[in-house]
Amino acid sequence: MTTTRLREFTAKLDRVRRWLEAEGRDAVELTRYAWLAWLLGGAEARVLAAADRGSCSVRITRDRVVVVTNNIEAPRLREEEDLAALPVEWEVHDWWEPPLPSQAVDDLPPRLRFSLLPEEVERARRLAGDAREAIETVARFLEPGRTEHQIASRLAEQVTARGIVPIGLFVAADERGKQYRHPLPTAKIAQRNVILSMVVRRGGLHASLTRMVSFGPACESMHQRHRAVTQVHAAMLDASRPGATLGAVFTAAQRAYAEQGFSDEWRLHHQGGPTGYEPREVRATPESPIPLEENQLVAWNPTIRGAKSEETALVTSGGVELLTAGETVASVQWPVSSRVARLSDILIL
């Protein structure tokens, strides 16, 4: 157990106990994977990748922390996830027996995990860098004649080889990029262009990103729509500052869509929102009063028919830090909070 992980656990435990005190409650029992990964420093307290509930629960009172699990999961959690080194008690039951009943509830407000600790920021940066490397490795070596299923399998291979879990893989070949905003892979064969999007997870944290690829020069319409959607994205990033509400960021997006001549496109797809221990902790809406916090992850994903811009970014008092943007593919640049945002351009192969 590293000192940093113990420090992270202690800080989060303090957040929970302060919430218990403020709410006048005696205990809470965390059962959902997102909360367990958050509290336990990114521990993989799960069996199935898509499971909402974890492979254990953690009961927190004013003076005790108890990990509740069965005899199948306890050894791996103690040894491989290093939970044995945490200052917790263990309540282990046989797999065929239910755990002891608890009166505690699992209803912590998500805002408790919005502002990332320094240890989490570093994990988010590493995840984002690996996710970018994975999707761009696939993008750079695409070729016409591959089905969307085959392209998705390459994405899955690159992601899992880096210890990352693919939560959502989307591939749109040719006209499907204009038809659908969530293009699940099909047997469609790519001939002219491809949009690649993915949502991935490691250690409980999520990253989302999109890349567009054209086999040969892209048409002027494709360039126009892509440049327009990156300007919308840049406007959203520029508005993403601690204290700004999600509604204010959404208003900036609406204004940018109108300025680019695509006033109604925001109605056809959600625009993203804060990310972290859920793919989207909450989606931004026009009137949302929820404020952004220092060191909070966001993943905005504006779309215009046939074009999408999506990166994972960190909100700081000094402006946003684009975690998934890199130097390996072409980029377009827009001013953002006295900086320049390098948003991914269409990759021409």
Protein backbone atom coordinates (compact mmCIF):
# COMPACT_ATOMS: atom_id res chain seq x y z
CA MET A 1 0.00 0.00 0.00
CA THR A 2 1.55 3.28 -1.08
CA THR A 3 1.37 6.39 1.06
CA THR A 4 -0.45 8.22 -1.74
CA ARG A 5 -3.18 5.58 -1.95
CA LEU A 6 -3.70 5.61 1.80
CA ARG A 7 -3.86 9.41 1.71
CA GLU A 8 -6.46 9.23 -1.07
CA PHE A 9 -8.57 6.72 0.88
CA THR A 10 -8.39 8.84 4.03
CA ALA A 11 -9.40 12.03 2.19
CA LYS A 12 -12.41 10.37 0.59
CA LEU A 13 -13.46 8.73 3.83
CA ASP A 14 -13.42 12.18 5.37
CA ARG A 15 -15.74 13.46 2.61
CA VAL A 16 -18.19 10.64 3.32
CA ARG A 17 -18.16 11.14 7.06
CA ARG A 18 -18.66 14.88 6.75
CA TRP A 19 -21.67 14.11 4.56
CA LEU A 20 -23.01 11.66 7.17
CA GLU A 21 -22.64 14.35 9.82
CA ALA A 22 -24.36 16.98 7.70
CA GLU A 23 -27.24 14.63 6.85
CA GLY A 24 -27.62 13.34 10.40
CA ARG A 25 -27.04 9.73 9.32
CA ASP A 26 -25.20 6.98 11.11
CA ALA A 27 -23.98 4.90 8.17
CA VAL A 28 -23.87 4.41 4.43
CA GLU A 29 -23.15 1.21 2.49
CA LEU A 30 -21.54 1.63 -0.92
CA THR A 31 -22.58 -1.13 -3.31
CA ARG A 32 -22.24 0.37 -6.79
CA TYR A 33 -19.03 -0.15 -8.73
CA ALA A 34 -18.56 3.58 -9.39
CA TRP A 35 -18.55 4.40 -5.68
CA LEU A 36 -16.32 1.46 -4.78
CA ALA A 37 -13.74 2.36 -7.42
CA TRP A 38 -13.81 5.95 -6.19
CA LEU A 39 -13.36 5.15 -2.50
CA LEU A 40 -10.85 2.33 -2.99
CA GLY A 41 -8.42 4.20 -5.22
CA GLY A 42 -9.42 2.63 -8.53
CA ALA A 43 -9.73 -0.94 -7.26
CA GLU A 44 -11.47 -3.28 -9.70
CA ALA A 45 -14.18 -4.39 -7.28
CA ARG A 46 -16.24 -6.08 -9.97
CA VAL A 47 -16.65 -9.33 -11.89
CA LEU A 48 -18.56 -8.35 -15.04
CA ALA A 49 -17.45 -5.27 -16.97
CA ALA A 50 -21.01 -4.01 -17.39
CA ALA A 51 -22.12 -4.72 -13.81
CA ASP A 52 -23.50 -1.76 -11.90
CA ARG A 53 -23.03 -3.44 -8.52
CA GLY A 54 -19.58 -4.28 -7.26
CA SER A 55 -18.18 -7.59 -6.08
CA CYS A 56 -18.19 -6.26 -2.53
CA SER A 57 -19.78 -3.47 -0.56
CA VAL A 58 -18.23 -1.06 1.91
CA ARG A 59 -20.14 -0.08 5.04
CA ILE A 60 -19.03 3.24 6.53
CA THR A 61 -20.06 4.48 9.95
CA ARG A 62 -18.72 7.31 12.10
CA ASP A 63 -15.93 5.05 13.41
CA ARG A 64 -15.78 1.87 11.28
CA VAL A 65 -15.18 0.82 7.68
CA VAL A 66 -16.23 -2.73 6.79
CA VAL A 67 -15.68 -4.50 3.45
CA VAL A 68 -18.47 -7.03 2.91
CA THR A 69 -17.89 -9.74 0.30
CA ASN A 70 -18.00 -13.48 -0.28
CA ASN A 71 -15.32 -16.14 -0.06
CA ILE A 72 -14.80 -16.13 -3.84
CA GLU A 73 -13.92 -12.44 -4.13
CA ALA A 74 -12.17 -11.79 -0.83
CA PRO A 75 -8.74 -13.27 -1.76
CA ARG A 76 -8.36 -11.29 -4.99
CA LEU A 77 -9.58 -8.07 -3.40
CA ARG A 78 -7.16 -8.49 -0.51
CA GLU A 79 -4.16 -9.53 -2.58
CA GLU A 80 -4.35 -8.20 -6.15
CA GLU A 81 -6.34 -5.05 -5.36
CA ASP A 82 -4.25 -4.55 -2.20
CA LEU A 83 -7.26 -3.87 0.00
CA ALA A 84 -5.72 -5.86 2.84
CA ALA A 85 -3.42 -2.91 3.48
CA LEU A 86 -6.30 -0.46 3.97
CA PRO A 87 -7.48 0.27 7.53
CA VAL A 88 -10.74 -1.67 7.09
CA GLU A 89 -12.50 -4.59 8.71
CA TRP A 90 -13.67 -7.61 6.70
CA GLU A 91 -17.00 -9.42 6.76
CA VAL A 92 -16.68 -12.48 4.52
CA HIS A 93 -19.59 -14.86 3.91
CA ASP A 94 -19.82 -18.10 1.92
CA TRP A 95 -20.87 -17.51 -1.68
CA TRP A 96 -24.12 -19.48 -1.23
CA GLU A 97 -25.15 -17.41 1.79
CA PRO A 98 -26.47 -13.84 1.61
CA PRO A 99 -24.54 -11.16 3.47
CA LEU A 100 -25.79 -10.00 6.82
CA PRO A 101 -28.61 -7.46 6.41
CA SER A 102 -27.69 -3.80 6.71
CA GLN A 103 -29.83 -0.76 7.39
CA ALA A 104 -27.33 1.52 5.68
CA VAL A 105 -28.23 3.04 2.31
CA ASP A 106 -26.24 3.63 -0.88
CA ASP A 107 -27.27 7.14 -1.84
CA LEU A 108 -24.30 9.45 -1.66
CA PRO A 109 -24.62 12.53 -3.89
CA PRO A 110 -22.38 12.21 -6.99
CA ARG A 111 -20.91 15.68 -6.34
CA LEU A 112 -18.73 14.11 -3.62
CA ARG A 113 -16.56 12.58 -6.35
CA PHE A 114 -16.60 15.49 -8.85
CA SER A 115 -13.38 17.23 -7.75
CA LEU A 116 -10.48 14.84 -8.31
CA LEU A 117 -7.61 14.48 -5.89
CA PRO A 118 -4.05 14.80 -7.26
CA GLU A 119 -3.68 10.99 -7.34
CA GLU A 120 -6.85 10.70 -9.44
CA VAL A 121 -5.73 13.45 -11.81
CA GLU A 122 -2.56 11.50 -12.55
CA ARG A 123 -4.54 8.30 -13.17
CA ALA A 124 -6.86 10.24 -15.48
CA ARG A 125 -3.91 11.64 -17.44
CA ARG A 126 -2.40 8.17 -17.90
CA LEU A 127 -5.74 6.69 -18.96
CA ALA A 128 -6.37 9.52 -21.43
CA GLY A 129 -2.92 9.16 -22.96
CA ASP A 130 -3.28 5.43 -23.39
CA ALA A 131 -6.79 5.79 -24.82
CA ARG A 132 -5.57 8.37 -27.33
CA GLU A 133 -2.70 6.12 -28.35
CA ALA A 134 -5.08 3.19 -28.83
CA ILE A 135 -7.64 4.97 -31.03
CA GLU A 136 -5.00 6.79 -33.09
CA THR A 137 -3.06 3.58 -33.68
CA VAL A 138 -6.22 2.14 -35.25
CA ALA A 139 -7.02 5.36 -37.13
CA ARG A 140 -3.59 5.68 -38.75
CA PHE A 141 -3.68 2.17 -40.18
CA LEU A 142 -7.26 2.05 -41.43
CA GLU A 143 -7.89 1.08 -45.02
CA PRO A 144 -10.97 0.80 -47.25
CA GLY A 145 -12.71 -2.56 -47.44
CA ARG A 146 -12.91 -3.27 -43.71
CA THR A 147 -16.26 -3.74 -42.01
CA GLU A 148 -17.27 -1.69 -39.01
CA HIS A 149 -17.15 -4.91 -36.96
CA GLN A 150 -13.54 -5.50 -38.00
CA ILE A 151 -12.59 -1.93 -37.17
CA ALA A 152 -14.28 -2.19 -33.77
CA SER A 153 -12.36 -5.39 -33.06
CA ARG A 154 -9.10 -3.53 -33.71
CA LEU A 155 -10.19 -0.82 -31.29
CA ALA A 156 -11.04 -3.43 -28.66
CA GLU A 157 -7.66 -5.12 -29.13
CA GLN A 158 -5.70 -1.88 -28.77
CA VAL A 159 -7.69 -0.81 -25.73
CA THR A 160 -7.57 -4.08 -23.81
CA ALA A 161 -3.84 -4.49 -24.55
CA ARG A 162 -3.37 -1.35 -22.45
CA GLY A 163 -5.38 -2.69 -19.52
CA ILE A 164 -8.41 -0.59 -20.42
CA VAL A 165 -12.03 -1.77 -20.50
CA PRO A 166 -14.05 -0.72 -23.60
CA ILE A 167 -17.43 0.53 -22.37
CA GLY A 168 -18.69 1.80 -25.72
CA LEU A 169 -17.20 1.40 -29.20
CA PHE A 170 -18.84 3.25 -32.09
CA VAL A 171 -17.88 3.01 -35.76
CA ALA A 172 -19.64 4.81 -38.62
CA ALA A 173 -18.57 4.09 -42.20
CA ASP A 174 -19.46 6.50 -45.01
CA GLU A 175 -23.12 7.61 -44.91
CA ARG A 176 -23.78 6.02 -41.52
CA GLY A 177 -21.84 8.92 -40.02
CA LYS A 178 -24.59 11.24 -41.22
CA GLN A 179 -27.47 8.96 -40.29
CA TYR A 180 -26.81 8.02 -36.68
CA ARG A 181 -25.32 9.76 -33.66
CA HIS A 182 -24.62 6.50 -31.80
CA PRO A 183 -23.43 4.19 -34.61
CA LEU A 184 -23.01 0.74 -33.09
CA PRO A 185 -20.74 -1.31 -35.40
CA THR A 186 -22.36 -3.29 -38.22
CA ALA A 187 -21.27 -5.32 -41.22
CA LYS A 188 -21.14 -2.11 -43.29
CA ILE A 189 -17.91 -1.89 -45.33
CA ALA A 190 -15.96 1.37 -45.14
CA GLN A 191 -15.08 2.85 -48.53
CA ARG A 192 -14.64 6.64 -48.15
CA ASN A 193 -14.52 7.70 -44.48
CA VAL A 194 -14.96 6.50 -40.92
CA ILE A 195 -15.89 8.09 -37.60
CA LEU A 196 -14.40 6.31 -34.57
CA SER A 197 -15.68 7.00 -31.06
CA MET A 198 -15.11 5.23 -27.80
CA VAL A 199 -15.82 5.41 -24.09
CA VAL A 200 -13.30 3.46 -22.01
CA ARG A 201 -12.58 2.83 -18.34
CA ARG A 202 -9.63 1.95 -16.17
CA GLY A 203 -9.45 2.04 -12.39
CA GLY A 204 -13.02 3.32 -12.31
CA LEU A 205 -12.25 6.47 -14.32
CA HIS A 206 -13.61 7.05 -17.84
CA ALA A 207 -12.29 8.71 -20.97
CA SER A 208 -14.20 9.54 -24.15
CA LEU A 209 -12.81 10.59 -27.52
CA THR A 210 -13.59 10.64 -31.25
CA ARG A 211 -11.48 10.61 -34.41
CA MET A 212 -12.55 11.15 -38.02
CA VAL A 213 -10.73 9.49 -40.93
CA SER A 214 -11.00 10.04 -44.68
CA PHE A 215 -9.54 7.74 -47.32
CA GLY A 216 -8.15 10.35 -49.67
CA PRO A 217 -9.08 14.05 -49.68
CA ALA A 218 -12.28 14.84 -47.77
CA CYS A 219 -14.98 16.78 -49.56
CA GLU A 220 -15.50 20.47 -48.79
CA SER A 221 -18.79 19.75 -47.01
CA MET A 222 -17.08 17.34 -44.62
CA HIS A 223 -14.35 19.89 -43.88
CA GLN A 224 -16.94 22.64 -43.32
CA ARG A 225 -19.00 20.58 -40.88
CA HIS A 226 -15.94 19.38 -39.01
CA ARG A 227 -14.48 22.85 -38.60
CA ALA A 228 -17.88 24.08 -37.42
CA VAL A 229 -18.24 21.35 -34.81
CA THR A 230 -14.71 21.95 -33.47
CA GLN A 231 -15.56 25.63 -33.06
CA VAL A 232 -18.60 24.63 -31.01
CA HIS A 233 -16.35 22.34 -28.97
CA ALA A 234 -13.84 25.15 -28.42
CA ALA A 235 -16.61 27.45 -27.21
CA MET A 236 -17.72 24.81 -24.69
CA LEU A 237 -14.15 24.32 -23.47
CA ASP A 238 -13.71 28.09 -23.15
CA ALA A 239 -16.82 28.23 -20.94
CA SER A 240 -15.67 25.32 -18.78
CA ARG A 241 -14.32 26.98 -15.67
CA PRO A 242 -14.75 26.26 -11.97
CA GLY A 243 -18.05 27.73 -10.85
CA ALA A 244 -19.58 27.89 -14.32
CA THR A 245 -22.86 26.01 -14.51
CA LEU A 246 -23.56 23.27 -17.00
CA GLY A 247 -26.35 25.48 -18.28
CA ALA A 248 -23.87 28.26 -19.03
CA VAL A 249 -21.65 25.87 -20.99
CA PHE A 250 -24.70 24.64 -22.88
CA THR A 251 -25.67 28.23 -23.73
CA ALA A 252 -22.17 28.80 -25.13
CA ALA A 253 -22.66 25.72 -27.32
CA GLN A 254 -26.04 26.92 -28.60
CA ARG A 255 -24.57 30.31 -29.47
CA ALA A 256 -21.67 28.70 -31.33
CA TYR A 257 -23.95 26.35 -33.27
CA ALA A 258 -25.97 29.38 -34.43
CA GLU A 259 -22.85 31.33 -35.39
CA GLN A 260 -21.69 28.40 -37.53
CA GLY A 261 -25.05 28.18 -39.30
CA PHE A 262 -26.26 25.00 -37.57
CA SER A 263 -28.72 26.39 -35.02
CA ASP A 264 -30.76 23.24 -34.43
CA GLU A 265 -28.05 20.58 -34.39
CA TRP A 266 -27.84 20.59 -30.58
CA ARG A 267 -31.39 19.20 -30.49
CA LEU A 268 -30.32 15.99 -32.27
CA HIS A 269 -27.76 14.71 -29.75
CA HIS A 270 -26.72 15.39 -26.15
CA GLN A 271 -23.65 17.56 -25.79
CA GLY A 272 -21.83 15.53 -23.13
CA GLY A 273 -21.03 16.66 -19.62
CA PRO A 274 -18.86 15.93 -16.59
CA THR A 275 -17.24 12.51 -16.61
CA GLY A 276 -15.23 10.58 -14.03
CA TYR A 277 -16.52 7.46 -12.34
CA GLU A 278 -19.49 7.31 -14.72
CA PRO A 279 -19.26 7.77 -18.52
CA ARG A 280 -21.20 10.97 -17.88
CA GLU A 281 -21.78 11.87 -14.25
CA VAL A 282 -24.59 14.09 -15.52
CA ARG A 283 -25.52 15.41 -18.96
CA ALA A 284 -25.54 19.13 -19.55
CA THR A 285 -28.94 20.67 -20.31
CA PRO A 286 -29.94 24.25 -21.15
CA GLU A 287 -31.07 25.16 -17.62
CA SER A 288 -28.81 22.95 -15.50
CA PRO A 289 -27.70 24.82 -12.33
CA ILE A 290 -24.94 22.31 -11.48
CA PRO A 291 -21.58 24.10 -11.26
CA LEU A 292 -18.27 22.73 -12.52
CA GLU A 293 -15.58 22.23 -9.90
CA GLU A 294 -11.82 22.58 -9.79
CA ASN A 295 -10.11 19.41 -11.09
CA GLN A 296 -13.29 17.99 -12.59
CA LEU A 297 -13.25 15.91 -15.76
CA VAL A 298 -15.52 16.86 -18.65
CA ALA A 299 -16.20 15.17 -21.97
CA TRP A 300 -18.10 17.44 -24.34
CA ASN A 301 -19.23 15.84 -27.61
CA PRO A 302 -20.90 18.33 -29.96
CA THR A 303 -22.08 16.88 -33.27
CA ILE A 304 -23.16 18.16 -36.64
CA ARG A 305 -24.58 15.70 -39.14
CA GLY A 306 -21.56 13.66 -40.25
CA ALA A 307 -19.08 15.33 -37.88
CA LYS A 308 -18.22 15.03 -34.20
CA SER A 309 -15.60 16.50 -31.88
CA GLU A 310 -14.94 14.79 -28.55
CA GLU A 311 -12.08 14.84 -26.06
CA THR A 312 -11.72 14.36 -22.32
CA ALA A 313 -10.53 17.44 -20.47
CA LEU A 314 -9.69 18.60 -16.95
CA VAL A 315 -11.28 21.80 -15.65
CA THR A 316 -8.84 23.97 -13.68
CA SER A 317 -8.73 27.58 -12.53
CA GLY A 318 -6.08 28.19 -15.19
CA GLY A 319 -8.26 26.87 -18.02
CA VAL A 320 -9.01 23.43 -19.40
CA GLU A 321 -6.34 20.81 -19.94
CA LEU A 322 -7.11 18.58 -22.91
CA LEU A 323 -6.08 15.13 -21.72
CA THR A 324 -6.83 13.10 -24.87
CA ALA A 325 -5.55 15.59 -27.45
CA GLY A 326 -2.13 14.82 -28.88
CA GLU A 327 0.41 15.52 -31.58
CA THR A 328 0.08 12.28 -33.52
CA VAL A 329 -2.81 13.24 -35.78
CA ALA A 330 -3.65 16.47 -37.57
CA SER A 331 -5.32 19.14 -35.43
CA VAL A 332 -7.25 22.37 -35.75
CA GLN A 333 -6.49 25.16 -33.31
CA TRP A 334 -8.92 27.52 -31.59
CA PRO A 335 -8.27 30.01 -28.76
CA VAL A 336 -9.50 28.70 -25.41
CA SER A 337 -9.11 30.61 -22.12
CA SER A 338 -6.02 32.51 -23.32
CA ARG A 339 -4.60 29.26 -24.67
CA VAL A 340 -4.83 27.34 -27.90
CA ALA A 341 -6.90 24.16 -28.01
CA ARG A 342 -5.58 21.54 -30.39
CA LEU A 343 -8.71 19.66 -31.40
CA SER A 344 -8.38 16.64 -33.69
CA ASP A 345 -8.77 17.38 -37.39
CA ILE A 346 -9.87 14.90 -40.06
CA LEU A 347 -7.08 12.39 -40.59
CA ILE A 348 -6.44 12.07 -44.32
CA LEU A 349 -5.01 8.68 -45.37
